[in-house]
Amino acid sequence: MNILNQAKLIVSKLIEFRPELVIASTGSCYIHLTDCKVKYIRIANHTGHKEKPKTWQLRSDVSSSRKGTNRIYTDVNRLVSDLK
C-alpha cells in the first residue's frame, strides 16, 4: 500500500479526531488531529526533519518503536489501535 493510500485509510478510521491531510512536496503525508493525545501523524518512507512533540510516524523504512511520546509504527492497524 502506498503512502497516500495509507494516509486515506488512517483518515477514514480516525474521523472522530477531525483529521486534516496535508501532502508534502517530499512525498510524506501529514495528518493533523484535533482533541487527541497525538497532534500529528507523519507517513513516510524516509527520515524527515526533527519531529515536533506528540507526532507519531508510520514508516516503511525502519523498525517499530512504541516508546515515548513520538512513536514509530510500521503497521497502520497498530497505530490506529493505539490512538483509540
PDB file of N, CA and C in Angstrom:
ATOM      1  N   MET A   1       0.860  -1.185   0.000  1.00  0.00           N
ATOM      2  CA  MET A   1       0.000   0.000   0.000  1.00  0.00           C
ATOM      3  C   MET A   1       0.899   1.239   0.000  1.00  0.00           C
ATOM      4  N   ASN A   2       0.628   2.183  -0.875  1.00  0.00           N
ATOM      5  CA  ASN A   2       1.470   3.371  -0.940  1.00  0.00           C
ATOM      6  C   ASN A   2       1.121   4.373   0.166  1.00  0.00           C
ATOM      7  N   ILE A   3       1.940   5.397   0.310  1.00  0.00           N
ATOM      8  CA  ILE A   3       1.812   6.371   1.393  1.00  0.00           C
ATOM      9  C   ILE A   3       0.457   7.075   1.377  1.00  0.00           C
ATOM     10  N   LEU A   4       0.007   7.502   0.217  1.00  0.00           N
ATOM     11  CA  LEU A   4      -1.266   8.219   0.135  1.00  0.00           C
ATOM     12  C   LEU A   4      -2.434   7.308   0.517  1.00  0.00           C
ATOM     13  N   ASN A   5      -2.405   6.073   0.077  1.00  0.00           N
ATOM     14  CA  ASN A   5      -3.465   5.135   0.445  1.00  0.00           C
ATOM     15  C   ASN A   5      -3.466   4.849   1.940  1.00  0.00           C
ATOM     16  N   GLN A   6      -2.281   4.747   2.530  1.00  0.00           N
ATOM     17  CA  GLN A   6      -2.191   4.557   3.978  1.00  0.00           C
ATOM     18  C   GLN A   6      -2.778   5.759   4.708  1.00  0.00           C
ATOM     19  N   ALA A   7      -2.461   6.961   4.227  1.00  0.00           N
ATOM     20  CA  ALA A   7      -2.985   8.181   4.844  1.00  0.00           C
ATOM     21  C   ALA A   7      -4.508   8.221   4.764  1.00  0.00           C
ATOM     22  N   LYS A   8      -5.052   7.887   3.616  1.00  0.00           N
ATOM     23  CA  LYS A   8      -6.506   7.887   3.452  1.00  0.00           C
ATOM     24  C   LYS A   8      -7.162   6.862   4.365  1.00  0.00           C
ATOM     25  N   LEU A   9      -6.535   5.710   4.542  1.00  0.00           N
ATOM     26  CA  LEU A   9      -7.067   4.685   5.433  1.00  0.00           C
ATOM     27  C   LEU A   9      -7.088   5.180   6.879  1.00  0.00           C
ATOM     28  N   ILE A  10      -6.007   5.814   7.308  1.00  0.00           N
ATOM     29  CA  ILE A  10      -5.943   6.355   8.670  1.00  0.00           C
ATOM     30  C   ILE A  10      -7.001   7.428   8.869  1.00  0.00           C
ATOM     31  N   VAL A  11      -7.130   8.333   7.912  1.00  0.00           N
ATOM     32  CA  VAL A  11      -8.150   9.395   7.993  1.00  0.00           C
ATOM     33  C   VAL A  11      -9.542   8.785   8.143  1.00  0.00           C
ATOM     34  N   SER A  12      -9.836   7.748   7.375  1.00  0.00           N
ATOM     35  CA  SER A  12     -11.170   7.138   7.437  1.00  0.00           C
ATOM     36  C   SER A  12     -11.436   6.456   8.771  1.00  0.00           C
ATOM     37  N   LYS A  13     -10.387   5.994   9.446  1.00  0.00           N
ATOM     38  CA  LYS A  13     -10.557   5.313  10.729  1.00  0.00           C
ATOM     39  C   LYS A  13     -10.534   6.257  11.926  1.00  0.00           C
ATOM     40  N   LEU A  14     -10.120   7.507  11.705  1.00  0.00           N
ATOM     41  CA  LEU A  14      -9.993   8.452  12.820  1.00  0.00           C
ATOM     42  C   LEU A  14     -10.873   9.690  12.645  1.00  0.00           C
ATOM     43  N   ILE A  15     -12.026   9.517  12.050  1.00  0.00           N
ATOM     44  CA  ILE A  15     -12.943  10.634  11.774  1.00  0.00           C
ATOM     45  C   ILE A  15     -13.265  11.436  13.033  1.00  0.00           C
ATOM     46  N   GLU A  16     -13.373  10.759  14.193  1.00  0.00           N
ATOM     47  CA  GLU A  16     -13.748  11.456  15.426  1.00  0.00           C
ATOM     48  C   GLU A  16     -12.722  12.501  15.863  1.00  0.00           C
ATOM     49  N   PHE A  17     -11.508  12.449  15.315  1.00  0.00           N
ATOM     50  CA  PHE A  17     -10.471  13.433  15.645  1.00  0.00           C
ATOM     51  C   PHE A  17     -10.339  14.516  14.569  1.00  0.00           C
ATOM     52  N   ARG A  18     -11.300  14.610  13.682  1.00  0.00           N
ATOM     53  CA  ARG A  18     -11.347  15.615  12.612  1.00  0.00           C
ATOM     54  C   ARG A  18      -9.993  15.731  11.891  1.00  0.00           C
ATOM     55  N   PRO A  19      -9.547  14.647  11.270  1.00  0.00           N
ATOM     56  CA  PRO A  19      -8.224  14.645  10.630  1.00  0.00           C
ATOM     57  C   PRO A  19      -8.156  15.560   9.407  1.00  0.00           C
ATOM     58  N   GLU A  20      -7.023  16.230   9.283  1.00  0.00           N
ATOM     59  CA  GLU A  20      -6.742  17.068   8.115  1.00  0.00           C
ATOM     60  C   GLU A  20      -5.478  16.527   7.462  1.00  0.00           C
ATOM     61  N   LEU A  21      -5.576  16.157   6.206  1.00  0.00           N
ATOM     62  CA  LEU A  21      -4.463  15.557   5.474  1.00  0.00           C
ATOM     63  C   LEU A  21      -3.713  16.612   4.667  1.00  0.00           C
ATOM     64  N   VAL A  22      -2.385  16.611   4.809  1.00  0.00           N
ATOM     65  CA  VAL A  22      -1.518  17.507   4.044  1.00  0.00           C
ATOM     66  C   VAL A  22      -0.459  16.644   3.370  1.00  0.00           C
ATOM     67  N   ILE A  23      -0.265  16.854   2.084  1.00  0.00           N
ATOM     68  CA  ILE A  23       0.744  16.111   1.330  1.00  0.00           C
ATOM     69  C   ILE A  23       1.923  17.043   1.068  1.00  0.00           C
ATOM     70  N   ALA A  24       3.097  16.647   1.564  1.00  0.00           N
ATOM     71  CA  ALA A  24       4.299  17.471   1.416  1.00  0.00           C
ATOM     72  C   ALA A  24       4.967  17.227   0.068  1.00  0.00           C
ATOM     73  N   SER A  25       5.784  18.157  -0.357  1.00  0.00           N
ATOM     74  CA  SER A  25       6.482  18.032  -1.636  1.00  0.00           C
ATOM     75  C   SER A  25       7.511  16.895  -1.613  1.00  0.00           C
ATOM     76  N   THR A  26       7.879  16.428  -0.422  1.00  0.00           N
ATOM     77  CA  THR A  26       8.851  15.341  -0.285  1.00  0.00           C
ATOM     78  C   THR A  26       8.215  13.969  -0.478  1.00  0.00           C
ATOM     79  N   GLY A  27       6.888  13.936  -0.576  1.00  0.00           N
ATOM     80  CA  GLY A  27       6.185  12.668  -0.706  1.00  0.00           C
ATOM     81  C   GLY A  27       5.597  12.176   0.599  1.00  0.00           C
ATOM     82  N   SER A  28       5.950  12.815   1.702  1.00  0.00           N
ATOM     83  CA  SER A  28       5.385  12.461   3.002  1.00  0.00           C
ATOM     84  C   SER A  28       3.970  13.004   3.107  1.00  0.00           C
ATOM     85  N   CYS A  29       3.170  12.367   3.944  1.00  0.00           N
ATOM     86  CA  CYS A  29       1.825  12.852   4.254  1.00  0.00           C
ATOM     87  C   CYS A  29       1.766  13.154   5.739  1.00  0.00           C
ATOM     88  N   TYR A  30       1.082  14.214   6.080  1.00  0.00           N
ATOM     89  CA  TYR A  30       0.890  14.591   7.474  1.00  0.00           C
ATOM     90  C   TYR A  30      -0.602  14.652   7.755  1.00  0.00           C
ATOM     91  N   ILE A  31      -1.000  14.092   8.884  1.00  0.00           N
ATOM     92  CA  ILE A  31      -2.393  14.142   9.307  1.00  0.00           C
ATOM     93  C   ILE A  31      -2.434  14.893  10.628  1.00  0.00           C
ATOM     94  N   HIS A  32      -3.124  16.022  10.650  1.00  0.00           N
ATOM     95  CA  HIS A  32      -3.295  16.801  11.868  1.00  0.00           C
ATOM     96  C   HIS A  32      -4.569  16.328  12.549  1.00  0.00           C
ATOM     97  N   LEU A  33      -4.479  16.038  13.854  1.00  0.00           N
ATOM     98  CA  LEU A  33      -5.619  15.554  14.615  1.00  0.00           C
ATOM     99  C   LEU A  33      -6.038  16.581  15.659  1.00  0.00           C
ATOM    100  N   THR A  34      -7.335  16.653  15.948  1.00  0.00           N
ATOM    101  CA  THR A  34      -7.882  17.572  16.934  1.00  0.00           C
ATOM    102  C   THR A  34      -8.457  16.769  18.096  1.00  0.00           C
ATOM    103  N   ASP A  35      -8.273  17.279  19.320  1.00  0.00           N
ATOM    104  CA  ASP A  35      -8.797  16.630  20.531  1.00  0.00           C
ATOM    105  C   ASP A  35      -8.303  15.193  20.667  1.00  0.00           C
ATOM    106  N   CYS A  36      -7.013  15.006  20.447  1.00  0.00           N
ATOM    107  CA  CYS A  36      -6.403  13.683  20.524  1.00  0.00           C
ATOM    108  C   CYS A  36      -5.079  13.818  21.274  1.00  0.00           C
ATOM    109  N   LYS A  37      -4.605  12.724  21.878  1.00  0.00           N
ATOM    110  CA  LYS A  37      -3.329  12.762  22.586  1.00  0.00           C
ATOM    111  C   LYS A  37      -2.149  12.974  21.641  1.00  0.00           C
ATOM    112  N   VAL A  38      -2.367  12.742  20.356  1.00  0.00           N
ATOM    113  CA  VAL A  38      -1.348  12.940  19.329  1.00  0.00           C
ATOM    114  C   VAL A  38      -1.791  14.083  18.431  1.00  0.00           C
ATOM    115  N   LYS A  39      -0.874  15.003  18.114  1.00  0.00           N
ATOM    116  CA  LYS A  39      -1.231  16.147  17.255  1.00  0.00           C
ATOM    117  C   LYS A  39      -1.069  15.832  15.780  1.00  0.00           C
ATOM    118  N   TYR A  40      -0.022  15.077  15.436  1.00  0.00           N
ATOM    119  CA  TYR A  40       0.268  14.791  14.030  1.00  0.00           C
ATOM    120  C   TYR A  40       0.634  13.331  13.843  1.00  0.00           C
ATOM    121  N   ILE A  41       0.305  12.825  12.679  1.00  0.00           N
ATOM    122  CA  ILE A  41       0.805  11.535  12.222  1.00  0.00           C
ATOM    123  C   ILE A  41       1.543  11.804  10.919  1.00  0.00           C
ATOM    124  N   ARG A  42       2.784  11.363  10.863  1.00  0.00           N
ATOM    125  CA  ARG A  42       3.589  11.510   9.638  1.00  0.00           C
ATOM    126  C   ARG A  42       3.707  10.150   8.982  1.00  0.00           C
ATOM    127  N   ILE A  43       3.416  10.078   7.690  1.00  0.00           N
ATOM    128  CA  ILE A  43       3.505   8.840   6.937  1.00  0.00           C
ATOM    129  C   ILE A  43       4.574   9.043   5.869  1.00  0.00           C
ATOM    130  N   ALA A  44       5.630   8.222   5.940  1.00  0.00           N
ATOM    131  CA  ALA A  44       6.754   8.428   5.021  1.00  0.00           C
ATOM    132  C   ALA A  44       7.563   7.154   4.880  1.00  0.00           C
ATOM    133  N   ASN A  45       8.465   7.176   3.931  1.00  0.00           N
ATOM    134  CA  ASN A  45       9.401   6.072   3.751  1.00  0.00           C
ATOM    135  C   ASN A  45      10.844   6.566   3.840  1.00  0.00           C
ATOM    136  N   HIS A  46      11.039   7.655   4.574  1.00  0.00           N
ATOM    137  CA  HIS A  46      12.364   8.238   4.745  1.00  0.00           C
ATOM    138  C   HIS A  46      12.402   9.066   6.031  1.00  0.00           C
ATOM    139  N   THR A  47      13.601   9.354   6.482  1.00  0.00           N
ATOM    140  CA  THR A  47      13.796  10.209   7.646  1.00  0.00           C
ATOM    141  C   THR A  47      13.400  11.632   7.297  1.00  0.00           C
ATOM    142  N   GLY A  48      12.765  12.308   8.224  1.00  0.00           N
ATOM    143  CA  GLY A  48      12.373  13.696   7.999  1.00  0.00           C
ATOM    144  C   GLY A  48      13.151  14.624   8.904  1.00  0.00           C
ATOM    145  N   HIS A  49      12.664  15.840   9.018  1.00  0.00           N
ATOM    146  CA  HIS A  49      13.241  16.792   9.950  1.00  0.00           C
ATOM    147  C   HIS A  49      12.943  16.340  11.363  1.00  0.00           C
ATOM    148  N   LYS A  50      13.538  16.996  12.337  1.00  0.00           N
ATOM    149  CA  LYS A  50      13.247  16.670  13.729  1.00  0.00           C
ATOM    150  C   LYS A  50      11.751  16.836  13.963  1.00  0.00           C
ATOM    151  N   GLU A  51      11.133  15.828  14.539  1.00  0.00           N
ATOM    152  CA  GLU A  51       9.685  15.837  14.727  1.00  0.00           C
ATOM    153  C   GLU A  51       9.264  16.684  15.909  1.00  0.00           C
ATOM    154  N   LYS A  52       8.112  17.300  15.772  1.00  0.00           N
ATOM    155  CA  LYS A  52       7.508  18.067  16.852  1.00  0.00           C
ATOM    156  C   LYS A  52       7.001  17.103  17.918  1.00  0.00           C
ATOM    157  N   PRO A  53       6.811  17.592  19.147  1.00  0.00           N
ATOM    158  CA  PRO A  53       6.252  16.722  20.190  1.00  0.00           C
ATOM    159  C   PRO A  53       4.871  16.204  19.785  1.00  0.00           C
ATOM    160  N   LYS A  54       4.535  15.031  20.297  1.00  0.00           N
ATOM    161  CA  LYS A  54       3.240  14.385  20.071  1.00  0.00           C
ATOM    162  C   LYS A  54       2.996  14.083  18.596  1.00  0.00           C
ATOM    163  N   THR A  55       4.074  13.694  17.900  1.00  0.00           N
ATOM    164  CA  THR A  55       3.965  13.273  16.499  1.00  0.00           C
ATOM    165  C   THR A  55       4.299  11.791  16.420  1.00  0.00           C
ATOM    166  N   TRP A  56       3.387  11.029  15.865  1.00  0.00           N
ATOM    167  CA  TRP A  56       3.638   9.618  15.610  1.00  0.00           C
ATOM    168  C   TRP A  56       3.913   9.454  14.134  1.00  0.00           C
ATOM    169  N   GLN A  57       4.697   8.423  13.790  1.00  0.00           N
ATOM    170  CA  GLN A  57       5.045   8.197  12.396  1.00  0.00           C
ATOM    171  C   GLN A  57       4.674   6.789  11.966  1.00  0.00           C
ATOM    172  N   LEU A  58       4.268   6.672  10.724  1.00  0.00           N
ATOM    173  CA  LEU A  58       4.089   5.384  10.068  1.00  0.00           C
ATOM    174  C   LEU A  58       5.165   5.325   9.006  1.00  0.00           C
ATOM    175  N   ARG A  59       6.137   4.411   9.178  1.00  0.00           N
ATOM    176  CA  ARG A  59       7.284   4.371   8.277  1.00  0.00           C
ATOM    177  C   ARG A  59       7.502   2.971   7.746  1.00  0.00           C
ATOM    178  N   SER A  60       7.921   2.879   6.518  1.00  0.00           N
ATOM    179  CA  SER A  60       8.207   1.581   5.913  1.00  0.00           C
ATOM    180  C   SER A  60       9.705   1.277   5.881  1.00  0.00           C
ATOM    181  N   ASP A  61      10.517   2.231   6.323  1.00  0.00           N
ATOM    182  CA  ASP A  61      11.967   2.059   6.204  1.00  0.00           C
ATOM    183  C   ASP A  61      12.680   1.801   7.527  1.00  0.00           C
ATOM    184  N   VAL A  62      11.933   1.621   8.631  1.00  0.00           N
ATOM    185  CA  VAL A  62      12.555   1.420   9.950  1.00  0.00           C
ATOM    186  C   VAL A  62      11.771   0.378  10.749  1.00  0.00           C
ATOM    187  N   SER A  63      12.319   0.027  11.900  1.00  0.00           N
ATOM    188  CA  SER A  63      11.617  -0.862  12.817  1.00  0.00           C
ATOM    189  C   SER A  63      10.679  -0.045  13.694  1.00  0.00           C
ATOM    190  N   SER A  64       9.649  -0.697  14.215  1.00  0.00           N
ATOM    191  CA  SER A  64       8.697  -0.025  15.097  1.00  0.00           C
ATOM    192  C   SER A  64       9.344   0.314  16.429  1.00  0.00           C
ATOM    193  N   SER A  65       8.901   1.408  17.029  1.00  0.00           N
ATOM    194  CA  SER A  65       9.315   1.804  18.370  1.00  0.00           C
ATOM    195  C   SER A  65       8.123   2.463  19.036  1.00  0.00           C
ATOM    196  N   ARG A  66       7.599   1.851  20.080  1.00  0.00           N
ATOM    197  CA  ARG A  66       6.423   2.392  20.746  1.00  0.00           C
ATOM    198  C   ARG A  66       6.796   3.049  22.069  1.00  0.00           C
ATOM    199  N   LYS A  67       8.043   3.455  22.235  1.00  0.00           N
ATOM    200  CA  LYS A  67       8.492   4.091  23.466  1.00  0.00           C
ATOM    201  C   LYS A  67       8.347   5.600  23.353  1.00  0.00           C
ATOM    202  N   GLY A  68       8.028   6.251  24.461  1.00  0.00           N
ATOM    203  CA  GLY A  68       7.963   7.702  24.497  1.00  0.00           C
ATOM    204  C   GLY A  68       6.739   8.271  23.814  1.00  0.00           C
ATOM    205  N   THR A  69       6.733   9.577  23.639  1.00  0.00           N
ATOM    206  CA  THR A  69       5.571  10.251  23.051  1.00  0.00           C
ATOM    207  C   THR A  69       5.651  10.348  21.536  1.00  0.00           C
ATOM    208  N   ASN A  70       6.826  10.220  20.965  1.00  0.00           N
ATOM    209  CA  ASN A  70       6.986  10.221  19.500  1.00  0.00           C
ATOM    210  C   ASN A  70       7.262   8.792  19.063  1.00  0.00           C
ATOM    211  N   ARG A  71       6.219   8.107  18.673  1.00  0.00           N
ATOM    212  CA  ARG A  71       6.313   6.697  18.337  1.00  0.00           C
ATOM    213  C   ARG A  71       6.474   6.492  16.836  1.00  0.00           C
ATOM    214  N   ILE A  72       7.076   5.357  16.484  1.00  0.00           N
ATOM    215  CA  ILE A  72       7.236   4.980  15.088  1.00  0.00           C
ATOM    216  C   ILE A  72       6.560   3.630  14.891  1.00  0.00           C
ATOM    217  N   TYR A  73       5.727   3.548  13.878  1.00  0.00           N
ATOM    218  CA  TYR A  73       4.984   2.334  13.562  1.00  0.00           C
ATOM    219  C   TYR A  73       5.302   1.866  12.147  1.00  0.00           C
ATOM    220  N   THR A  74       5.129   0.574  11.927  1.00  0.00           N
ATOM    221  CA  THR A  74       5.215   0.021  10.585  1.00  0.00           C
ATOM    222  C   THR A  74       3.874  -0.581  10.166  1.00  0.00           C
ATOM    223  N   ASP A  75       2.910  -0.588  11.085  1.00  0.00           N
ATOM    224  CA  ASP A  75       1.604  -1.196  10.834  1.00  0.00           C
ATOM    225  C   ASP A  75       0.480  -0.186  11.086  1.00  0.00           C
ATOM    226  N   VAL A  76      -0.331   0.054  10.071  1.00  0.00           N
ATOM    227  CA  VAL A  76      -1.434   1.028  10.170  1.00  0.00           C
ATOM    228  C   VAL A  76      -2.400   0.647  11.282  1.00  0.00           C
ATOM    229  N   ASN A  77      -2.783  -0.607  11.333  1.00  0.00           N
ATOM    230  CA  ASN A  77      -3.780  -1.035  12.309  1.00  0.00           C
ATOM    231  C   ASN A  77      -3.294  -0.893  13.747  1.00  0.00           C
ATOM    232  N   ARG A  78      -2.020  -1.154  14.000  1.00  0.00           N
ATOM    233  CA  ARG A  78      -1.460  -0.982  15.343  1.00  0.00           C
ATOM    234  C   ARG A  78      -1.477   0.486  15.732  1.00  0.00           C
ATOM    235  N   LEU A  79      -1.102   1.376  14.820  1.00  0.00           N
ATOM    236  CA  LEU A  79      -1.117   2.816  15.082  1.00  0.00           C
ATOM    237  C   LEU A  79      -2.528   3.273  15.440  1.00  0.00           C
ATOM    238  N   VAL A  80      -3.512   2.910  14.633  1.00  0.00           N
ATOM    239  CA  VAL A  80      -4.908   3.319  14.874  1.00  0.00           C
ATOM    240  C   VAL A  80      -5.392   2.743  16.198  1.00  0.00           C
ATOM    241  N   SER A  81      -5.085   1.504  16.481  1.00  0.00           N
ATOM    242  CA  SER A  81      -5.497   0.856  17.726  1.00  0.00           C
ATOM    243  C   SER A  81      -4.922   1.577  18.942  1.00  0.00           C
ATOM    244  N   ASP A  82      -3.656   1.971  18.886  1.00  0.00           N
ATOM    245  CA  ASP A  82      -3.032   2.673  20.000  1.00  0.00           C
ATOM    246  C   ASP A  82      -3.607   4.077  20.200  1.00  0.00           C
ATOM    247  N   LEU A  83      -4.093   4.681  19.141  1.00  0.00           N
ATOM    248  CA  LEU A  83      -4.682   6.022  19.246  1.00  0.00           C
ATOM    249  C   LEU A  83      -6.056   6.021  19.896  1.00  0.00           C
ATOM    250  N   LYS A  84      -6.800   4.946  19.694  1.00  0.00           N
ATOM    251  CA  LYS A  84      -8.178   4.884  20.184  1.00  0.00           C
ATOM    252  C   LYS A  84      -8.278   4.426  21.597  1.00  0.00           C
TER     253      LYS A  84
END
